[in-house]
Amino acid sequence: MKDIIRKVACAICHLIGGSEVEPEPDLEPIILPSKVIDIASASSILLDKLEAMGMGDAEIYLPDREIQVYNKEKVKGFLGLDETSEIVYVAEVMDCDDFAAELFGKFAGLVWTNLHALNWFIDDTEKFWFIEPQSDKIASDLEGWQGSQVRFFVGR
């Protein structure tokens, strides 16, 4: 029970702009959304992103009527504390889909391209971002090695 109270207290502190405090080593860092947007707005953002990238045939799976959006700076802070990027890469055992699944389980959406699996989120200004879970890099566009065609997006 103490761990839950500590996590909630840290989350509230971050939410109201308190000092950045690293969690105790035995606690998982958490990130809270800054707001939610409706599924139609989220779909529109994803479709606009696909169009801007010159892609139009990707599948979009948004399971909830409301999509959580996050403050980009808080996402950076969370990624700095989260240990997903510290996991050792092992082909076919702990590779790109496994890294993306780890971060998907915590907050971010999942995206598959023709070459790679990574994550995504929408920020509180309603801008779309990719997250490379193996390096914590946040970018507005894919790098060449990440693929040239988005196959699908899965929301959280």
Protein backbone atom coordinates (compact mmCIF):
# COMPACT_ATOMS: atom_id res chain seq x y z
CA MET A 1 0.00 0.00 0.00
CA LYS A 2 2.90 2.37 0.79
CA ASP A 3 4.27 1.87 -2.74
CA ILE A 4 0.96 2.84 -4.29
CA ILE A 5 0.67 5.94 -2.11
CA ARG A 6 4.25 6.91 -2.97
CA LYS A 7 3.58 6.48 -6.72
CA VAL A 8 0.41 8.56 -6.54
CA ALA A 9 2.18 11.29 -4.53
CA CYS A 10 5.01 11.45 -7.08
CA ALA A 11 2.53 11.57 -9.94
CA ILE A 12 0.57 14.39 -8.30
CA CYS A 13 3.79 16.30 -7.66
CA HIS A 14 4.79 15.99 -11.33
CA LEU A 15 1.29 16.88 -12.49
CA ILE A 16 1.14 20.14 -10.54
CA GLY A 17 4.65 21.11 -11.50
CA GLY A 18 6.55 20.04 -8.44
CA SER A 19 10.24 19.34 -8.47
CA GLU A 20 11.51 16.45 -10.52
CA VAL A 21 12.14 13.68 -8.03
CA GLU A 22 13.54 10.35 -9.08
CA PRO A 23 11.49 7.45 -7.76
CA GLU A 24 12.95 5.06 -5.27
CA PRO A 25 14.88 2.26 -7.02
CA ASP A 26 12.18 -0.33 -6.33
CA LEU A 27 9.41 1.80 -7.86
CA GLU A 28 8.47 1.90 -11.56
CA PRO A 29 8.26 5.42 -12.94
CA ILE A 30 4.79 6.39 -14.11
CA ILE A 31 3.47 9.02 -16.48
CA LEU A 32 0.05 10.59 -16.36
CA PRO A 33 -1.75 12.04 -19.36
CA SER A 34 -2.22 15.80 -19.52
CA LYS A 35 -5.68 15.44 -21.09
CA VAL A 36 -7.75 13.21 -23.36
CA ILE A 37 -9.03 13.76 -26.87
CA ASP A 38 -11.87 11.96 -28.59
CA ILE A 39 -11.29 9.11 -31.01
CA ALA A 40 -12.28 11.24 -34.03
CA SER A 41 -9.62 13.85 -33.22
CA ALA A 42 -6.98 11.18 -32.65
CA SER A 43 -7.89 9.43 -35.92
CA SER A 44 -7.65 12.73 -37.75
CA ILE A 45 -4.18 13.39 -36.30
CA LEU A 46 -2.99 9.93 -37.37
CA LEU A 47 -4.49 10.23 -40.85
CA ASP A 48 -2.93 13.69 -41.28
CA LYS A 49 0.44 12.24 -40.22
CA LEU A 50 0.15 9.44 -42.76
CA GLU A 51 -0.75 11.94 -45.47
CA ALA A 52 2.18 14.19 -44.54
CA MET A 53 4.50 11.17 -44.79
CA GLY A 54 3.06 10.23 -48.19
CA MET A 55 1.39 7.07 -46.84
CA GLY A 56 -2.28 6.29 -46.81
CA ASP A 57 -2.91 2.58 -46.46
CA ALA A 58 -2.03 1.98 -42.81
CA GLU A 59 -4.56 0.42 -40.46
CA ILE A 60 -5.49 2.38 -37.35
CA TYR A 61 -6.77 0.58 -34.24
CA LEU A 62 -7.92 2.91 -31.45
CA PRO A 63 -9.64 0.74 -28.84
CA ASP A 64 -11.12 3.48 -26.66
CA ARG A 65 -13.43 6.44 -27.30
CA GLU A 66 -10.93 8.75 -25.65
CA ILE A 67 -7.18 8.81 -26.28
CA GLN A 68 -4.75 9.99 -23.64
CA VAL A 69 -2.31 12.70 -24.69
CA TYR A 70 0.89 13.67 -22.90
CA ASN A 71 3.10 16.66 -22.32
CA LYS A 72 6.20 16.09 -24.46
CA GLU A 73 8.62 17.29 -21.75
CA LYS A 74 7.06 14.92 -19.24
CA VAL A 75 7.40 12.08 -21.76
CA LYS A 76 11.12 12.93 -22.07
CA GLY A 77 11.42 12.89 -18.28
CA PHE A 78 9.59 9.58 -18.05
CA LEU A 79 11.77 7.99 -20.73
CA GLY A 80 14.85 9.17 -18.83
CA LEU A 81 13.68 7.25 -15.76
CA ASP A 82 12.17 4.24 -17.52
CA GLU A 83 14.56 1.34 -18.08
CA THR A 84 13.11 -0.09 -21.31
CA SER A 85 15.98 1.32 -23.39
CA GLU A 86 18.49 -0.33 -21.02
CA ILE A 87 17.34 -3.86 -21.88
CA VAL A 88 19.88 -5.84 -23.87
CA TYR A 89 18.91 -6.43 -27.52
CA VAL A 90 18.81 -10.13 -28.50
CA ALA A 91 17.67 -10.93 -32.04
CA GLU A 92 14.43 -12.93 -32.15
CA VAL A 93 14.20 -12.90 -28.33
CA MET A 94 14.30 -9.26 -27.24
CA ASP A 95 14.18 -7.28 -30.47
CA CYS A 96 12.23 -4.27 -31.75
CA ASP A 97 8.74 -5.70 -31.23
CA ASP A 98 9.59 -6.65 -27.65
CA PHE A 99 10.99 -3.19 -26.84
CA ALA A 100 7.88 -1.57 -28.37
CA ALA A 101 5.62 -3.93 -26.40
CA GLU A 102 7.36 -2.92 -23.16
CA LEU A 103 6.68 0.78 -23.74
CA PHE A 104 3.17 0.04 -25.07
CA GLY A 105 2.42 -1.60 -21.73
CA LYS A 106 3.34 1.60 -19.91
CA PHE A 107 1.67 4.37 -21.93
CA ALA A 108 2.59 4.71 -25.62
CA GLY A 109 0.83 3.50 -28.73
CA LEU A 110 2.40 0.87 -30.97
CA VAL A 111 3.35 1.36 -34.62
CA TRP A 112 4.66 -1.21 -37.09
CA THR A 113 6.36 -0.27 -40.31
CA ASN A 114 7.57 -2.48 -43.12
CA LEU A 115 10.89 -2.88 -41.21
CA HIS A 116 10.45 -2.05 -37.54
CA ALA A 117 8.23 -1.77 -34.47
CA LEU A 118 8.29 1.35 -32.34
CA ASN A 119 5.94 3.57 -30.36
CA TRP A 120 3.96 6.79 -30.72
CA PHE A 121 2.06 9.37 -28.73
CA ILE A 122 0.13 12.57 -29.27
CA ASP A 123 1.23 15.54 -27.21
CA ASP A 124 -0.98 18.08 -25.47
CA THR A 125 -0.72 20.42 -28.48
CA GLU A 126 -2.14 17.53 -30.55
CA LYS A 127 1.11 16.88 -32.40
CA PHE A 128 2.10 13.30 -33.30
CA TRP A 129 5.47 11.86 -32.18
CA PHE A 130 7.35 8.60 -32.75
CA ILE A 131 9.35 7.09 -29.89
CA GLU A 132 12.25 4.74 -30.56
CA PRO A 133 12.03 2.52 -27.44
CA GLN A 134 15.59 1.21 -27.80
CA SER A 135 17.11 4.70 -27.51
CA ASP A 136 14.31 6.89 -26.07
CA LYS A 137 14.58 9.19 -29.10
CA ILE A 138 11.45 11.21 -29.83
CA ALA A 139 11.03 12.33 -33.45
CA SER A 140 8.32 13.67 -35.71
CA ASP A 141 9.41 11.47 -38.62
CA LEU A 142 10.80 8.00 -39.21
CA GLU A 143 14.47 7.50 -39.91
CA GLY A 144 15.31 5.43 -43.01
CA TRP A 145 16.31 2.32 -41.06
CA GLN A 146 12.92 2.37 -39.25
CA GLY A 147 11.04 1.79 -42.48
CA SER A 148 9.35 3.59 -45.32
CA GLN A 149 5.75 2.39 -44.94
CA VAL A 150 3.60 2.37 -41.81
CA ARG A 151 1.55 -0.83 -41.66
CA PHE A 152 -0.57 -0.05 -38.60
CA PHE A 153 -1.04 2.02 -35.47
CA VAL A 154 -2.46 0.58 -32.25
CA GLY A 155 -3.67 3.06 -29.64
CA ARG A 156 -3.68 2.86 -25.87
